[in-house]
Amino acid sequence: MLSGGQGRQKRQTLQATLDWSYDLLDPDEQQFFRRCGVFVGSFDLPAAVALSGFDDYDAMDLLESLVAKSLLSIDEGRDNPSTRYRLLETIRIYAGDLLARSEDVLAAREAHLQWFT
């Protein structure tokens, strides 16, 4: 999706922008961001904690940092009793691709499975 085909130059620019943003993250932010790529749709703090392995406070700091850097957004649905977070689909695909190439892909998928079962 991010390379090849029509509009290749625009997708290469998007890829370069996402690479640049990702490279500016510290290692904990990078790991947390990659692991968020397994979520389809929105998620809350407890799900992020379960998936990331960070404690509540560190996960909250990481969520806030990624929101401030426009890599995550707050999902402000009316029916949500708690704050929920979401990645735009293009960013989620990017994070998922990074996760698929990382060492922690199996741990992230297992944590995701355990959380939702």
PDB file of N, CA and C in Angstrom:
ATOM      1  N   MET A   1       0.813  -1.197   0.000  1.00  0.00           N
ATOM      2  CA  MET A   1       0.000   0.000   0.000  1.00  0.00           C
ATOM      3  C   MET A   1       0.859   1.264   0.000  1.00  0.00           C
ATOM      4  N   LEU A   2       2.014   1.201   0.676  1.00  0.00           N
ATOM      5  CA  LEU A   2       2.832   2.395   0.808  1.00  0.00           C
ATOM      6  C   LEU A   2       3.870   2.551  -0.301  1.00  0.00           C
ATOM      7  N   SER A   3       3.950   1.588  -1.203  1.00  0.00           N
ATOM      8  CA  SER A   3       4.903   1.739  -2.310  1.00  0.00           C
ATOM      9  C   SER A   3       4.363   1.044  -3.551  1.00  0.00           C
ATOM     10  N   GLY A   4       4.784   1.506  -4.714  1.00  0.00           N
ATOM     11  CA  GLY A   4       4.386   0.900  -5.976  1.00  0.00           C
ATOM     12  C   GLY A   4       3.046   1.400  -6.472  1.00  0.00           C
ATOM     13  N   GLY A   5       2.736   1.105  -7.738  1.00  0.00           N
ATOM     14  CA  GLY A   5       1.447   1.454  -8.308  1.00  0.00           C
ATOM     15  C   GLY A   5       1.298   2.934  -8.593  1.00  0.00           C
ATOM     16  N   GLN A   6       0.026   3.338  -8.876  1.00  0.00           N
ATOM     17  CA  GLN A   6      -0.255   4.747  -9.151  1.00  0.00           C
ATOM     18  C   GLN A   6       0.000   5.579  -7.905  1.00  0.00           C
ATOM     19  N   GLY A   7       0.400   6.791  -8.101  1.00  0.00           N
ATOM     20  CA  GLY A   7       0.674   7.679  -6.979  1.00  0.00           C
ATOM     21  C   GLY A   7       1.910   7.284  -6.196  1.00  0.00           C
ATOM     22  N   ARG A   8       2.812   6.606  -6.862  1.00  0.00           N
ATOM     23  CA  ARG A   8       4.002   6.086  -6.184  1.00  0.00           C
ATOM     24  C   ARG A   8       4.783   7.183  -5.462  1.00  0.00           C
ATOM     25  N   GLN A   9       4.922   8.327  -6.102  1.00  0.00           N
ATOM     26  CA  GLN A   9       5.697   9.400  -5.483  1.00  0.00           C
ATOM     27  C   GLN A   9       5.043   9.869  -4.188  1.00  0.00           C
ATOM     28  N   LYS A  10       3.724   9.978  -4.168  1.00  0.00           N
ATOM     29  CA  LYS A  10       3.025  10.390  -2.940  1.00  0.00           C
ATOM     30  C   LYS A  10       3.218   9.356  -1.841  1.00  0.00           C
ATOM     31  N   ARG A  11       3.130   8.069  -2.194  1.00  0.00           N
ATOM     32  CA  ARG A  11       3.305   7.025  -1.190  1.00  0.00           C
ATOM     33  C   ARG A  11       4.744   6.983  -0.687  1.00  0.00           C
ATOM     34  N   GLN A  12       5.707   7.244  -1.571  1.00  0.00           N
ATOM     35  CA  GLN A  12       7.096   7.285  -1.125  1.00  0.00           C
ATOM     36  C   GLN A  12       7.299   8.441  -0.154  1.00  0.00           C
ATOM     37  N   THR A  13       6.632   9.557  -0.409  1.00  0.00           N
ATOM     38  CA  THR A  13       6.721  10.700   0.487  1.00  0.00           C
ATOM     39  C   THR A  13       6.093  10.354   1.828  1.00  0.00           C
ATOM     40  N   LEU A  14       4.947   9.678   1.813  1.00  0.00           N
ATOM     41  CA  LEU A  14       4.300   9.251   3.052  1.00  0.00           C
ATOM     42  C   LEU A  14       5.190   8.271   3.807  1.00  0.00           C
ATOM     43  N   GLN A  15       5.765   7.319   3.098  1.00  0.00           N
ATOM     44  CA  GLN A  15       6.671   6.356   3.721  1.00  0.00           C
ATOM     45  C   GLN A  15       7.854   7.080   4.371  1.00  0.00           C
ATOM     46  N   ALA A  16       8.444   8.022   3.667  1.00  0.00           N
ATOM     47  CA  ALA A  16       9.582   8.766   4.203  1.00  0.00           C
ATOM     48  C   ALA A  16       9.176   9.577   5.434  1.00  0.00           C
ATOM     49  N   THR A  17       7.988  10.157   5.410  1.00  0.00           N
ATOM     50  CA  THR A  17       7.504  10.933   6.556  1.00  0.00           C
ATOM     51  C   THR A  17       7.297  10.036   7.768  1.00  0.00           C
ATOM     52  N   LEU A  18       6.689   8.878   7.560  1.00  0.00           N
ATOM     53  CA  LEU A  18       6.476   7.948   8.663  1.00  0.00           C
ATOM     54  C   LEU A  18       7.804   7.408   9.189  1.00  0.00           C
ATOM     55  N   ASP A  19       8.732   7.094   8.294  1.00  0.00           N
ATOM     56  CA  ASP A  19      10.064   6.646   8.721  1.00  0.00           C
ATOM     57  C   ASP A  19      10.740   7.717   9.574  1.00  0.00           C
ATOM     58  N   TRP A  20      10.655   8.952   9.138  1.00  0.00           N
ATOM     59  CA  TRP A  20      11.277  10.070   9.858  1.00  0.00           C
ATOM     60  C   TRP A  20      10.646  10.199  11.247  1.00  0.00           C
ATOM     61  N   SER A  21       9.328  10.155  11.323  1.00  0.00           N
ATOM     62  CA  SER A  21       8.640  10.269  12.612  1.00  0.00           C
ATOM     63  C   SER A  21       9.016   9.115  13.536  1.00  0.00           C
ATOM     64  N   TYR A  22       9.043   7.918  12.993  1.00  0.00           N
ATOM     65  CA  TYR A  22       9.390   6.737  13.787  1.00  0.00           C
ATOM     66  C   TYR A  22      10.823   6.834  14.311  1.00  0.00           C
ATOM     67  N   ASP A  23      11.736   7.291  13.475  1.00  0.00           N
ATOM     68  CA  ASP A  23      13.144   7.402  13.875  1.00  0.00           C
ATOM     69  C   ASP A  23      13.352   8.419  14.994  1.00  0.00           C
ATOM     70  N   LEU A  24      12.438   9.367  15.147  1.00  0.00           N
ATOM     71  CA  LEU A  24      12.541  10.361  16.213  1.00  0.00           C
ATOM     72  C   LEU A  24      12.081   9.820  17.570  1.00  0.00           C
ATOM     73  N   LEU A  25      11.408   8.680  17.576  1.00  0.00           N
ATOM     74  CA  LEU A  25      10.921   8.089  18.820  1.00  0.00           C
ATOM     75  C   LEU A  25      12.057   7.418  19.581  1.00  0.00           C
ATOM     76  N   ASP A  26      11.961   7.423  20.924  1.00  0.00           N
ATOM     77  CA  ASP A  26      12.946   6.675  21.701  1.00  0.00           C
ATOM     78  C   ASP A  26      12.590   5.178  21.624  1.00  0.00           C
ATOM     79  N   PRO A  27      13.483   4.294  22.045  1.00  0.00           N
ATOM     80  CA  PRO A  27      13.232   2.847  21.883  1.00  0.00           C
ATOM     81  C   PRO A  27      11.929   2.354  22.529  1.00  0.00           C
ATOM     82  N   ASP A  28      11.573   2.862  23.714  1.00  0.00           N
ATOM     83  CA  ASP A  28      10.314   2.452  24.333  1.00  0.00           C
ATOM     84  C   ASP A  28       9.115   2.906  23.505  1.00  0.00           C
ATOM     85  N   GLU A  29       9.172   4.126  23.001  1.00  0.00           N
ATOM     86  CA  GLU A  29       8.092   4.625  22.144  1.00  0.00           C
ATOM     87  C   GLU A  29       7.986   3.797  20.861  1.00  0.00           C
ATOM     88  N   GLN A  30       9.126   3.442  20.291  1.00  0.00           N
ATOM     89  CA  GLN A  30       9.118   2.633  19.079  1.00  0.00           C
ATOM     90  C   GLN A  30       8.465   1.274  19.326  1.00  0.00           C
ATOM     91  N   GLN A  31       8.851   0.609  20.412  1.00  0.00           N
ATOM     92  CA  GLN A  31       8.276  -0.692  20.727  1.00  0.00           C
ATOM     93  C   GLN A  31       6.772  -0.561  20.972  1.00  0.00           C
ATOM     94  N   PHE A  32       6.377   0.417  21.747  1.00  0.00           N
ATOM     95  CA  PHE A  32       4.962   0.623  22.059  1.00  0.00           C
ATOM     96  C   PHE A  32       4.172   0.913  20.785  1.00  0.00           C
ATOM     97  N   PHE A  33       4.719   1.776  19.926  1.00  0.00           N
ATOM     98  CA  PHE A  33       4.060   2.121  18.661  1.00  0.00           C
ATOM     99  C   PHE A  33       3.882   0.887  17.784  1.00  0.00           C
ATOM    100  N   ARG A  34       4.940   0.086  17.638  1.00  0.00           N
ATOM    101  CA  ARG A  34       4.855  -1.133  16.822  1.00  0.00           C
ATOM    102  C   ARG A  34       3.751  -2.048  17.339  1.00  0.00           C
ATOM    103  N   ARG A  35       3.716  -2.231  18.650  1.00  0.00           N
ATOM    104  CA  ARG A  35       2.732  -3.139  19.233  1.00  0.00           C
ATOM    105  C   ARG A  35       1.302  -2.613  19.077  1.00  0.00           C
ATOM    106  N   CYS A  36       1.128  -1.322  19.015  1.00  0.00           N
ATOM    107  CA  CYS A  36      -0.212  -0.763  18.782  1.00  0.00           C
ATOM    108  C   CYS A  36      -0.726  -1.139  17.395  1.00  0.00           C
ATOM    109  N   GLY A  37       0.157  -1.543  16.505  1.00  0.00           N
ATOM    110  CA  GLY A  37      -0.239  -1.928  15.158  1.00  0.00           C
ATOM    111  C   GLY A  37      -1.114  -3.168  15.100  1.00  0.00           C
ATOM    112  N   VAL A  38      -1.213  -3.940  16.187  1.00  0.00           N
ATOM    113  CA  VAL A  38      -2.082  -5.124  16.178  1.00  0.00           C
ATOM    114  C   VAL A  38      -3.544  -4.768  16.415  1.00  0.00           C
ATOM    115  N   PHE A  39      -3.808  -3.579  16.947  1.00  0.00           N
ATOM    116  CA  PHE A  39      -5.188  -3.189  17.211  1.00  0.00           C
ATOM    117  C   PHE A  39      -5.870  -2.736  15.925  1.00  0.00           C
ATOM    118  N   VAL A  40      -7.030  -3.293  15.660  1.00  0.00           N
ATOM    119  CA  VAL A  40      -7.871  -2.832  14.563  1.00  0.00           C
ATOM    120  C   VAL A  40      -9.004  -2.085  15.236  1.00  0.00           C
ATOM    121  N   GLY A  41      -9.136  -0.827  14.961  1.00  0.00           N
ATOM    122  CA  GLY A  41     -10.118  -0.020  15.664  1.00  0.00           C
ATOM    123  C   GLY A  41      -9.498   0.600  16.902  1.00  0.00           C
ATOM    124  N   SER A  42     -10.338   0.990  17.829  1.00  0.00           N
ATOM    125  CA  SER A  42      -9.846   1.698  19.007  1.00  0.00           C
ATOM    126  C   SER A  42      -9.497   0.725  20.135  1.00  0.00           C
ATOM    127  N   PHE A  43      -8.739   1.234  21.098  1.00  0.00           N
ATOM    128  CA  PHE A  43      -8.342   0.448  22.264  1.00  0.00           C
ATOM    129  C   PHE A  43      -8.216   1.388  23.444  1.00  0.00           C
ATOM    130  N   ASP A  44      -8.217   0.826  24.653  1.00  0.00           N
ATOM    131  CA  ASP A  44      -8.122   1.648  25.858  1.00  0.00           C
ATOM    132  C   ASP A  44      -6.807   1.375  26.583  1.00  0.00           C
ATOM    133  N   LEU A  45      -6.613   2.084  27.693  1.00  0.00           N
ATOM    134  CA  LEU A  45      -5.373   1.956  28.462  1.00  0.00           C
ATOM    135  C   LEU A  45      -5.140   0.529  28.950  1.00  0.00           C
ATOM    136  N   PRO A  46      -6.137  -0.155  29.540  1.00  0.00           N
ATOM    137  CA  PRO A  46      -5.869  -1.526  29.986  1.00  0.00           C
ATOM    138  C   PRO A  46      -5.422  -2.462  28.857  1.00  0.00           C
ATOM    139  N   ALA A  47      -5.990  -2.311  27.681  1.00  0.00           N
ATOM    140  CA  ALA A  47      -5.562  -3.133  26.541  1.00  0.00           C
ATOM    141  C   ALA A  47      -4.127  -2.801  26.154  1.00  0.00           C
ATOM    142  N   ALA A  48      -3.786  -1.519  26.161  1.00  0.00           N
ATOM    143  CA  ALA A  48      -2.421  -1.104  25.822  1.00  0.00           C
ATOM    144  C   ALA A  48      -1.420  -1.638  26.839  1.00  0.00           C
ATOM    145  N   VAL A  49      -1.799  -1.618  28.115  1.00  0.00           N
ATOM    146  CA  VAL A  49      -0.924  -2.148  29.171  1.00  0.00           C
ATOM    147  C   VAL A  49      -0.711  -3.641  28.972  1.00  0.00           C
ATOM    148  N   ALA A  50      -1.806  -4.370  28.738  1.00  0.00           N
ATOM    149  CA  ALA A  50      -1.711  -5.821  28.560  1.00  0.00           C
ATOM    150  C   ALA A  50      -0.847  -6.177  27.357  1.00  0.00           C
ATOM    151  N   LEU A  51      -0.953  -5.395  26.319  1.00  0.00           N
ATOM    152  CA  LEU A  51      -0.221  -5.697  25.092  1.00  0.00           C
ATOM    153  C   LEU A  51       1.243  -5.282  25.164  1.00  0.00           C
ATOM    154  N   SER A  52       1.498  -4.169  25.817  1.00  0.00           N
ATOM    155  CA  SER A  52       2.841  -3.597  25.764  1.00  0.00           C
ATOM    156  C   SER A  52       3.808  -4.156  26.791  1.00  0.00           C
ATOM    157  N   GLY A  53       3.283  -4.592  27.941  1.00  0.00           N
ATOM    158  CA  GLY A  53       4.168  -5.035  29.012  1.00  0.00           C
ATOM    159  C   GLY A  53       4.647  -3.899  29.899  1.00  0.00           C
ATOM    160  N   PHE A  54       4.269  -2.672  29.590  1.00  0.00           N
ATOM    161  CA  PHE A  54       4.610  -1.538  30.436  1.00  0.00           C
ATOM    162  C   PHE A  54       3.550  -1.419  31.535  1.00  0.00           C
ATOM    163  N   ASP A  55       3.910  -0.803  32.673  1.00  0.00           N
ATOM    164  CA  ASP A  55       2.907  -0.600  33.716  1.00  0.00           C
ATOM    165  C   ASP A  55       1.968   0.539  33.321  1.00  0.00           C
ATOM    166  N   ASP A  56       0.917   0.752  34.115  1.00  0.00           N
ATOM    167  CA  ASP A  56      -0.107   1.747  33.790  1.00  0.00           C
ATOM    168  C   ASP A  56       0.473   3.136  33.551  1.00  0.00           C
ATOM    169  N   TYR A  57       1.373   3.562  34.422  1.00  0.00           N
ATOM    170  CA  TYR A  57       1.914   4.920  34.319  1.00  0.00           C
ATOM    171  C   TYR A  57       2.797   5.093  33.090  1.00  0.00           C
ATOM    172  N   ASP A  58       3.653   4.114  32.849  1.00  0.00           N
ATOM    173  CA  ASP A  58       4.517   4.205  31.669  1.00  0.00           C
ATOM    174  C   ASP A  58       3.692   4.125  30.386  1.00  0.00           C
ATOM    175  N   ALA A  59       2.700   3.238  30.364  1.00  0.00           N
ATOM    176  CA  ALA A  59       1.845   3.120  29.180  1.00  0.00           C
ATOM    177  C   ALA A  59       1.093   4.427  28.934  1.00  0.00           C
ATOM    178  N   MET A  60       0.596   5.052  29.999  1.00  0.00           N
ATOM    179  CA  MET A  60      -0.113   6.324  29.842  1.00  0.00           C
ATOM    180  C   MET A  60       0.828   7.396  29.295  1.00  0.00           C
ATOM    181  N   ASP A  61       2.047   7.448  29.805  1.00  0.00           N
ATOM    182  CA  ASP A  61       3.031   8.406  29.293  1.00  0.00           C
ATOM    183  C   ASP A  61       3.316   8.152  27.811  1.00  0.00           C
ATOM    184  N   LEU A  62       3.448   6.887  27.435  1.00  0.00           N
ATOM    185  CA  LEU A  62       3.721   6.549  26.042  1.00  0.00           C
ATOM    186  C   LEU A  62       2.533   6.891  25.146  1.00  0.00           C
ATOM    187  N   LEU A  63       1.321   6.615  25.620  1.00  0.00           N
ATOM    188  CA  LEU A  63       0.134   6.995  24.856  1.00  0.00           C
ATOM    189  C   LEU A  63       0.086   8.498  24.639  1.00  0.00           C
ATOM    190  N   GLU A  64       0.306   9.251  25.707  1.00  0.00           N
ATOM    191  CA  GLU A  64       0.278  10.715  25.605  1.00  0.00           C
ATOM    192  C   GLU A  64       1.358  11.223  24.659  1.00  0.00           C
ATOM    193  N   SER A  65       2.527  10.607  24.717  1.00  0.00           N
ATOM    194  CA  SER A  65       3.623  11.018  23.848  1.00  0.00           C
ATOM    195  C   SER A  65       3.283  10.766  22.377  1.00  0.00           C
ATOM    196  N   LEU A  66       2.720   9.597  22.085  1.00  0.00           N
ATOM    197  CA  LEU A  66       2.374   9.279  20.699  1.00  0.00           C
ATOM    198  C   LEU A  66       1.206  10.120  20.195  1.00  0.00           C
ATOM    199  N   VAL A  67       0.292  10.495  21.086  1.00  0.00           N
ATOM    200  CA  VAL A  67      -0.787  11.416  20.703  1.00  0.00           C
ATOM    201  C   VAL A  67      -0.191  12.782  20.385  1.00  0.00           C
ATOM    202  N   ALA A  68       0.714  13.249  21.241  1.00  0.00           N
ATOM    203  CA  ALA A  68       1.344  14.556  21.024  1.00  0.00           C
ATOM    204  C   ALA A  68       2.134  14.591  19.721  1.00  0.00           C
ATOM    205  N   LYS A  69       2.652  13.447  19.302  1.00  0.00           N
ATOM    206  CA  LYS A  69       3.431  13.359  18.069  1.00  0.00           C
ATOM    207  C   LYS A  69       2.577  12.978  16.869  1.00  0.00           C
ATOM    208  N   SER A  70       1.265  12.971  17.064  1.00  0.00           N
ATOM    209  CA  SER A  70       0.274  12.708  16.004  1.00  0.00           C
ATOM    210  C   SER A  70       0.386  11.317  15.385  1.00  0.00           C
ATOM    211  N   LEU A  71       0.920  10.359  16.131  1.00  0.00           N
ATOM    212  CA  LEU A  71       0.950   8.985  15.652  1.00  0.00           C
ATOM    213  C   LEU A  71      -0.248   8.188  16.162  1.00  0.00           C
ATOM    214  N   LEU A  72      -0.833   8.639  17.236  1.00  0.00           N
ATOM    215  CA  LEU A  72      -2.066   8.085  17.787  1.00  0.00           C
ATOM    216  C   LEU A  72      -3.062   9.223  17.919  1.00  0.00           C
ATOM    217  N   SER A  73      -4.341   8.891  17.885  1.00  0.00           N
ATOM    218  CA  SER A  73      -5.349   9.914  18.155  1.00  0.00           C
ATOM    219  C   SER A  73      -6.293   9.396  19.230  1.00  0.00           C
ATOM    220  N   ILE A  74      -6.927  10.322  19.905  1.00  0.00           N
ATOM    221  CA  ILE A  74      -7.918   9.972  20.919  1.00  0.00           C
ATOM    222  C   ILE A  74      -9.246   9.795  20.206  1.00  0.00           C
ATOM    223  N   ASP A  75      -9.884   8.668  20.452  1.00  0.00           N
ATOM    224  CA  ASP A  75     -11.168   8.333  19.843  1.00  0.00           C
ATOM    225  C   ASP A  75     -12.263   8.807  20.790  1.00  0.00           C
ATOM    226  N   GLU A  76     -12.891   9.899  20.445  1.00  0.00           N
ATOM    227  CA  GLU A  76     -13.859  10.520  21.342  1.00  0.00           C
ATOM    228  C   GLU A  76     -15.289  10.136  20.983  1.00  0.00           C
ATOM    229  N   GLY A  77     -15.596   8.854  21.063  1.00  0.00           N
ATOM    230  CA  GLY A  77     -16.956   8.406  20.825  1.00  0.00           C
ATOM    231  C   GLY A  77     -17.847   8.745  22.009  1.00  0.00           C
ATOM    232  N   ARG A  78     -19.107   8.975  21.760  1.00  0.00           N
ATOM    233  CA  ARG A  78     -20.047   9.352  22.829  1.00  0.00           C
ATOM    234  C   ARG A  78     -20.341   8.196  23.775  1.00  0.00           C
ATOM    235  N   ASP A  79     -20.262   6.981  23.288  1.00  0.00           N
ATOM    236  CA  ASP A  79     -20.611   5.817  24.091  1.00  0.00           C
ATOM    237  C   ASP A  79     -19.432   5.247  24.870  1.00  0.00           C
ATOM    238  N   ASN A  80     -18.272   5.864  24.777  1.00  0.00           N
ATOM    239  CA  ASN A  80     -17.080   5.343  25.439  1.00  0.00           C
ATOM    240  C   ASN A  80     -17.005   5.850  26.877  1.00  0.00           C
ATOM    241  N   PRO A  81     -17.066   4.943  27.860  1.00  0.00           N
ATOM    242  CA  PRO A  81     -16.944   5.385  29.253  1.00  0.00           C
ATOM    243  C   PRO A  81     -15.504   5.740  29.624  1.00  0.00           C
ATOM    244  N   SER A  82     -14.546   5.263  28.840  1.00  0.00           N
ATOM    245  CA  SER A  82     -13.139   5.564  29.104  1.00  0.00           C
ATOM    246  C   SER A  82     -12.498   6.120  27.843  1.00  0.00           C
ATOM    247  N   THR A  83     -11.345   6.705  28.008  1.00  0.00           N
ATOM    248  CA  THR A  83     -10.605   7.234  26.871  1.00  0.00           C
ATOM    249  C   THR A  83     -10.128   6.069  26.004  1.00  0.00           C
ATOM    250  N   ARG A  84     -10.338   6.211  24.719  1.00  0.00           N
ATOM    251  CA  ARG A  84      -9.902   5.195  23.768  1.00  0.00           C
ATOM    252  C   ARG A  84      -8.967   5.846  22.758  1.00  0.00           C
ATOM    253  N   TYR A  85      -8.085   5.038  22.207  1.00  0.00           N
ATOM    254  CA  TYR A  85      -7.065   5.516  21.284  1.00  0.00           C
ATOM    255  C   TYR A  85      -7.201   4.767  19.973  1.00  0.00           C
ATOM    256  N   ARG A  86      -6.691   5.376  18.911  1.00  0.00           N
ATOM    257  CA  ARG A  86      -6.799   4.779  17.585  1.00  0.00           C
ATOM    258  C   ARG A  86      -5.634   5.259  16.726  1.00  0.00           C
ATOM    259  N   LEU A  87      -5.192   4.374  15.843  1.00  0.00           N
ATOM    260  CA  LEU A  87      -4.231   4.757  14.808  1.00  0.00           C
ATOM    261  C   LEU A  87      -5.013   4.931  13.514  1.00  0.00           C
ATOM    262  N   LEU A  88      -4.693   5.948  12.754  1.00  0.00           N
ATOM    263  CA  LEU A  88      -5.259   6.056  11.421  1.00  0.00           C
ATOM    264  C   LEU A  88      -4.839   4.804  10.654  1.00  0.00           C
ATOM    265  N   GLU A  89      -5.662   4.355   9.732  1.00  0.00           N
ATOM    266  CA  GLU A  89      -5.426   3.077   9.070  1.00  0.00           C
ATOM    267  C   GLU A  89      -4.050   3.000   8.399  1.00  0.00           C
ATOM    268  N   THR A  90      -3.628   4.050   7.730  1.00  0.00           N
ATOM    269  CA  THR A  90      -2.314   4.041   7.079  1.00  0.00           C
ATOM    270  C   THR A  90      -1.202   3.905   8.112  1.00  0.00           C
ATOM    271  N   ILE A  91      -1.342   4.585   9.233  1.00  0.00           N
ATOM    272  CA  ILE A  91      -0.339   4.508  10.297  1.00  0.00           C
ATOM    273  C   ILE A  91      -0.382   3.139  10.958  1.00  0.00           C
ATOM    274  N   ARG A  92      -1.576   2.562  11.111  1.00  0.00           N
ATOM    275  CA  ARG A  92      -1.697   1.225  11.689  1.00  0.00           C
ATOM    276  C   ARG A  92      -1.010   0.189  10.797  1.00  0.00           C
ATOM    277  N   ILE A  93      -1.184   0.313   9.501  1.00  0.00           N
ATOM    278  CA  ILE A  93      -0.517  -0.600   8.566  1.00  0.00           C
ATOM    279  C   ILE A  93       1.002  -0.448   8.680  1.00  0.00           C
ATOM    280  N   TYR A  94       1.466   0.788   8.771  1.00  0.00           N
ATOM    281  CA  TYR A  94       2.901   1.041   8.926  1.00  0.00           C
ATOM    282  C   TYR A  94       3.418   0.395  10.220  1.00  0.00           C
ATOM    283  N   ALA A  95       2.706   0.615  11.335  1.00  0.00           N
ATOM    284  CA  ALA A  95       3.119   0.031  12.618  1.00  0.00           C
ATOM    285  C   ALA A  95       3.083  -1.492  12.546  1.00  0.00           C
ATOM    286  N   GLY A  96       2.065  -2.037  11.905  1.00  0.00           N
ATOM    287  CA  GLY A  96       1.973  -3.483  11.758  1.00  0.00           C
ATOM    288  C   GLY A  96       3.104  -4.062  10.924  1.00  0.00           C
ATOM    289  N   ASP A  97       3.501  -3.354   9.877  1.00  0.00           N
ATOM    290  CA  ASP A  97       4.639  -3.793   9.064  1.00  0.00           C
ATOM    291  C   ASP A  97       5.928  -3.794   9.883  1.00  0.00           C
ATOM    292  N   LEU A  98       6.106  -2.748  10.690  1.00  0.00           N
ATOM    293  CA  LEU A  98       7.287  -2.697  11.554  1.00  0.00           C
ATOM    294  C   LEU A  98       7.257  -3.843  12.560  1.00  0.00           C
ATOM    295  N   LEU A  99       6.085  -4.100  13.123  1.00  0.00           N
ATOM    296  CA  LEU A  99       5.949  -5.181  14.096  1.00  0.00           C
ATOM    297  C   LEU A  99       6.264  -6.527  13.449  1.00  0.00           C
ATOM    298  N   ALA A 100       5.760  -6.738  12.244  1.00  0.00           N
ATOM    299  CA  ALA A 100       5.972  -8.014  11.549  1.00  0.00           C
ATOM    300  C   ALA A 100       7.450  -8.285  11.300  1.00  0.00           C
ATOM    301  N   ARG A 101       8.246  -7.238  11.184  1.00  0.00           N
ATOM    302  CA  ARG A 101       9.683  -7.389  10.941  1.00  0.00           C
ATOM    303  C   ARG A 101      10.501  -7.366  12.218  1.00  0.00           C
ATOM    304  N   SER A 102       9.845  -7.237  13.381  1.00  0.00           N
ATOM    305  CA  SER A 102      10.582  -7.112  14.633  1.00  0.00           C
ATOM    306  C   SER A 102      10.646  -8.435  15.386  1.00  0.00           C
ATOM    307  N   GLU A 103      11.464  -8.452  16.416  1.00  0.00           N
ATOM    308  CA  GLU A 103      11.627  -9.634  17.252  1.00  0.00           C
ATOM    309  C   GLU A 103      10.414  -9.895  18.132  1.00  0.00           C
ATOM    310  N   ASP A 104       9.632  -8.867  18.420  1.00  0.00           N
ATOM    311  CA  ASP A 104       8.541  -9.027  19.378  1.00  0.00           C
ATOM    312  C   ASP A 104       7.176  -9.277  18.734  1.00  0.00           C
ATOM    313  N   VAL A 105       7.154  -9.673  17.464  1.00  0.00           N
ATOM    314  CA  VAL A 105       5.889  -9.901  16.778  1.00  0.00           C
ATOM    315  C   VAL A 105       5.082 -11.023  17.440  1.00  0.00           C
ATOM    316  N   LEU A 106       5.724 -12.124  17.768  1.00  0.00           N
ATOM    317  CA  LEU A 106       4.990 -13.234  18.368  1.00  0.00           C
ATOM    318  C   LEU A 106       4.486 -12.888  19.760  1.00  0.00           C
ATOM    319  N   ALA A 107       5.302 -12.211  20.548  1.00  0.00           N
ATOM    320  CA  ALA A 107       4.876 -11.802  21.894  1.00  0.00           C
ATOM    321  C   ALA A 107       3.704 -10.829  21.816  1.00  0.00           C
ATOM    322  N   ALA A 108       3.739  -9.909  20.866  1.00  0.00           N
ATOM    323  CA  ALA A 108       2.653  -8.932  20.724  1.00  0.00           C
ATOM    324  C   ALA A 108       1.362  -9.617  20.293  1.00  0.00           C
ATOM    325  N   ARG A 109       1.451 -10.519  19.358  1.00  0.00           N
ATOM    326  CA  ARG A 109       0.249 -11.223  18.898  1.00  0.00           C
ATOM    327  C   ARG A 109      -0.321 -12.125  19.982  1.00  0.00           C
ATOM    328  N   GLU A 110       0.550 -12.773  20.747  1.00  0.00           N
ATOM    329  CA  GLU A 110       0.093 -13.618  21.852  1.00  0.00           C
ATOM    330  C   GLU A 110      -0.583 -12.781  22.932  1.00  0.00           C
ATOM    331  N   ALA A 111       0.013 -11.638  23.270  1.00  0.00           N
ATOM    332  CA  ALA A 111      -0.593 -10.742  24.271  1.00  0.00           C
ATOM    333  C   ALA A 111      -1.942 -10.225  23.792  1.00  0.00           C
ATOM    334  N   HIS A 112      -2.050  -9.916  22.516  1.00  0.00           N
ATOM    335  CA  HIS A 112      -3.297  -9.460  21.923  1.00  0.00           C
ATOM    336  C   HIS A 112      -4.364 -10.548  22.026  1.00  0.00           C
ATOM    337  N   LEU A 113      -3.993 -11.762  21.688  1.00  0.00           N
ATOM    338  CA  LEU A 113      -4.900 -12.895  21.774  1.00  0.00           C
ATOM    339  C   LEU A 113      -5.360 -13.126  23.209  1.00  0.00           C
ATOM    340  N   GLN A 114      -4.421 -13.109  24.144  1.00  0.00           N
ATOM    341  CA  GLN A 114      -4.760 -13.329  25.545  1.00  0.00           C
ATOM    342  C   GLN A 114      -5.691 -12.242  26.073  1.00  0.00           C
ATOM    343  N   TRP A 115      -5.435 -11.007  25.693  1.00  0.00           N
ATOM    344  CA  TRP A 115      -6.277  -9.900  26.185  1.00  0.00           C
ATOM    345  C   TRP A 115      -7.715 -10.052  25.725  1.00  0.00           C
ATOM    346  N   PHE A 116      -7.912 -10.409  24.483  1.00  0.00           N
ATOM    347  CA  PHE A 116      -9.270 -10.459  23.953  1.00  0.00           C
ATOM    348  C   PHE A 116      -9.971 -11.798  24.144  1.00  0.00           C
ATOM    349  N   THR A 117      -9.250 -12.810  24.641  1.00  0.00           N
ATOM    350  CA  THR A 117      -9.928 -14.060  24.973  1.00  0.00           C
ATOM    351  C   THR A 117     -10.122 -14.125  26.451  1.00  0.00           C
TER     352      THR A 117
END
